[in-house]
């Protein structure tokens, strides 16, 4: 798009935007946390089941492990990401 060209926001763009935006958390809905770890990073995704029965992203966490954490055994890294996910 050129600098001086105006953006035409249509219903199609609005629908795509609404699909991409994080859902607002509602504690009355079911919530799940999925975690993963590797040798260098941990990650967590928090999702919520919405009225349409689809799971929507509420929050995410991605963090590099420090030097000490990189030496943890895999089960300790997995516990670390669970704890960090619950803290945030």
C-alpha atoms as a PDB file:
ATOM      1  CA  UNK A   1       0.000   0.000   0.000  1.00  0.00           C
ATOM      2  CA  UNK A   2       1.317   3.432  -0.888  1.00  0.00           C
ATOM      3  CA  UNK A   3       1.888   5.994   1.849  1.00  0.00           C
ATOM      4  CA  UNK A   4      -0.851   8.365   0.655  1.00  0.00           C
ATOM      5  CA  UNK A   5      -3.346   5.562  -0.113  1.00  0.00           C
ATOM      6  CA  UNK A   6      -6.278   5.332   2.318  1.00  0.00           C
ATOM      7  CA  UNK A   7      -7.195   2.053   3.979  1.00  0.00           C
ATOM      8  CA  UNK A   8     -10.695   0.783   3.282  1.00  0.00           C
ATOM      9  CA  UNK A   9     -11.728  -1.246   6.361  1.00  0.00           C
ATOM     10  CA  UNK A  10     -14.427  -3.663   5.237  1.00  0.00           C
ATOM     11  CA  UNK A  11     -16.453  -6.336   6.989  1.00  0.00           C
ATOM     12  CA  UNK A  12     -13.926  -8.898   5.696  1.00  0.00           C
ATOM     13  CA  UNK A  13     -11.051  -7.100   7.465  1.00  0.00           C
ATOM     14  CA  UNK A  14     -13.158  -6.690  10.613  1.00  0.00           C
ATOM     15  CA  UNK A  15     -13.926 -10.422  10.707  1.00  0.00           C
ATOM     16  CA  UNK A  16     -10.246 -11.339  10.222  1.00  0.00           C
ATOM     17  CA  UNK A  17      -9.210  -8.896  12.948  1.00  0.00           C
ATOM     18  CA  UNK A  18     -11.722 -10.353  15.421  1.00  0.00           C
ATOM     19  CA  UNK A  19     -10.374 -13.859  14.714  1.00  0.00           C
ATOM     20  CA  UNK A  20      -6.807 -12.768  15.506  1.00  0.00           C
ATOM     21  CA  UNK A  21      -7.348 -10.706  18.643  1.00  0.00           C
ATOM     22  CA  UNK A  22      -6.873 -12.310  22.066  1.00  0.00           C
ATOM     23  CA  UNK A  23     -10.097 -13.311  23.757  1.00  0.00           C
ATOM     24  CA  UNK A  24     -11.008 -11.549  26.982  1.00  0.00           C
ATOM     25  CA  UNK A  25     -10.855 -14.064  29.804  1.00  0.00           C
ATOM     26  CA  UNK A  26     -14.122 -15.086  31.418  1.00  0.00           C
ATOM     27  CA  UNK A  27     -13.760 -17.230  34.534  1.00  0.00           C
ATOM     28  CA  UNK A  28     -17.177 -18.788  33.905  1.00  0.00           C
ATOM     29  CA  UNK A  29     -15.758 -20.485  30.776  1.00  0.00           C
ATOM     30  CA  UNK A  30     -13.462 -23.496  30.696  1.00  0.00           C
ATOM     31  CA  UNK A  31      -9.777 -22.541  30.559  1.00  0.00           C
ATOM     32  CA  UNK A  32      -6.789 -24.714  29.645  1.00  0.00           C
ATOM     33  CA  UNK A  33      -3.055 -24.207  29.800  1.00  0.00           C
ATOM     34  CA  UNK A  34      -0.690 -25.947  27.381  1.00  0.00           C
ATOM     35  CA  UNK A  35       3.042 -25.889  28.047  1.00  0.00           C
ATOM     36  CA  UNK A  36       6.204 -26.962  26.262  1.00  0.00           C
ATOM     37  CA  UNK A  37       9.926 -26.736  26.854  1.00  0.00           C
ATOM     38  CA  UNK A  38      13.145 -27.320  24.978  1.00  0.00           C
ATOM     39  CA  UNK A  39      16.817 -27.027  25.848  1.00  0.00           C
ATOM     40  CA  UNK A  40      16.704 -23.224  25.640  1.00  0.00           C
ATOM     41  CA  UNK A  41      13.134 -21.910  26.020  1.00  0.00           C
ATOM     42  CA  UNK A  42       9.827 -22.503  27.761  1.00  0.00           C
ATOM     43  CA  UNK A  43       6.394 -21.649  26.403  1.00  0.00           C
ATOM     44  CA  UNK A  44       2.810 -21.546  27.643  1.00  0.00           C
ATOM     45  CA  UNK A  45      -0.513 -20.893  25.926  1.00  0.00           C
ATOM     46  CA  UNK A  46      -3.665 -20.103  27.881  1.00  0.00           C
ATOM     47  CA  UNK A  47      -6.902 -20.743  25.970  1.00  0.00           C
ATOM     48  CA  UNK A  48     -10.572 -20.362  26.809  1.00  0.00           C
ATOM     49  CA  UNK A  49     -13.567 -22.215  25.386  1.00  0.00           C
ATOM     50  CA  UNK A  50     -15.919 -19.583  23.969  1.00  0.00           C
ATOM     51  CA  UNK A  51     -19.671 -19.654  23.362  1.00  0.00           C
ATOM     52  CA  UNK A  52     -19.112 -21.029  19.842  1.00  0.00           C
ATOM     53  CA  UNK A  53     -17.285 -24.024  21.462  1.00  0.00           C
ATOM     54  CA  UNK A  54     -13.967 -22.941  19.885  1.00  0.00           C
ATOM     55  CA  UNK A  55     -10.859 -22.502  21.996  1.00  0.00           C
ATOM     56  CA  UNK A  56      -9.504 -18.937  21.753  1.00  0.00           C
ATOM     57  CA  UNK A  57      -6.103 -17.643  22.787  1.00  0.00           C
ATOM     58  CA  UNK A  58      -6.199 -15.592  25.996  1.00  0.00           C
ATOM     59  CA  UNK A  59      -2.491 -15.259  26.815  1.00  0.00           C
ATOM     60  CA  UNK A  60       0.882 -16.699  25.962  1.00  0.00           C
ATOM     61  CA  UNK A  61       4.334 -16.825  27.511  1.00  0.00           C
ATOM     62  CA  UNK A  62       7.685 -17.468  25.874  1.00  0.00           C
ATOM     63  CA  UNK A  63      10.903 -17.151  27.860  1.00  0.00           C
ATOM     64  CA  UNK A  64      14.525 -18.066  27.318  1.00  0.00           C
ATOM     65  CA  UNK A  65      16.063 -20.241  29.987  1.00  0.00           C
ATOM     66  CA  UNK A  66      19.050 -18.873  31.877  1.00  0.00           C
ATOM     67  CA  UNK A  67      22.306 -20.810  32.128  1.00  0.00           C
ATOM     68  CA  UNK A  68      21.305 -22.626  35.317  1.00  0.00           C
ATOM     69  CA  UNK A  69      17.827 -23.529  34.008  1.00  0.00           C
ATOM     70  CA  UNK A  70      19.313 -24.950  30.783  1.00  0.00           C
ATOM     71  CA  UNK A  71      21.089 -27.569  32.936  1.00  0.00           C
ATOM     72  CA  UNK A  72      17.824 -28.811  34.510  1.00  0.00           C
ATOM     73  CA  UNK A  73      16.608 -32.320  33.722  1.00  0.00           C
ATOM     74  CA  UNK A  74      13.650 -32.366  31.308  1.00  0.00           C
ATOM     75  CA  UNK A  75      11.076 -33.130  34.021  1.00  0.00           C
ATOM     76  CA  UNK A  76      12.343 -30.130  36.017  1.00  0.00           C
ATOM     77  CA  UNK A  77      12.085 -27.877  32.923  1.00  0.00           C
ATOM     78  CA  UNK A  78       8.517 -29.068  32.426  1.00  0.00           C
ATOM     79  CA  UNK A  79       7.666 -28.288  36.053  1.00  0.00           C
ATOM     80  CA  UNK A  80       9.336 -24.876  35.688  1.00  0.00           C
ATOM     81  CA  UNK A  81       7.146 -23.911  32.727  1.00  0.00           C
ATOM     82  CA  UNK A  82       4.022 -25.030  34.610  1.00  0.00           C
ATOM     83  CA  UNK A  83       4.979 -22.921  37.628  1.00  0.00           C
ATOM     84  CA  UNK A  84       5.866 -19.893  35.456  1.00  0.00           C
ATOM     85  CA  UNK A  85       2.607 -20.293  33.574  1.00  0.00           C
ATOM     86  CA  UNK A  86       0.580 -20.276  36.773  1.00  0.00           C
ATOM     87  CA  UNK A  87       2.498 -17.260  38.130  1.00  0.00           C
ATOM     88  CA  UNK A  88       1.817 -15.043  35.128  1.00  0.00           C
END
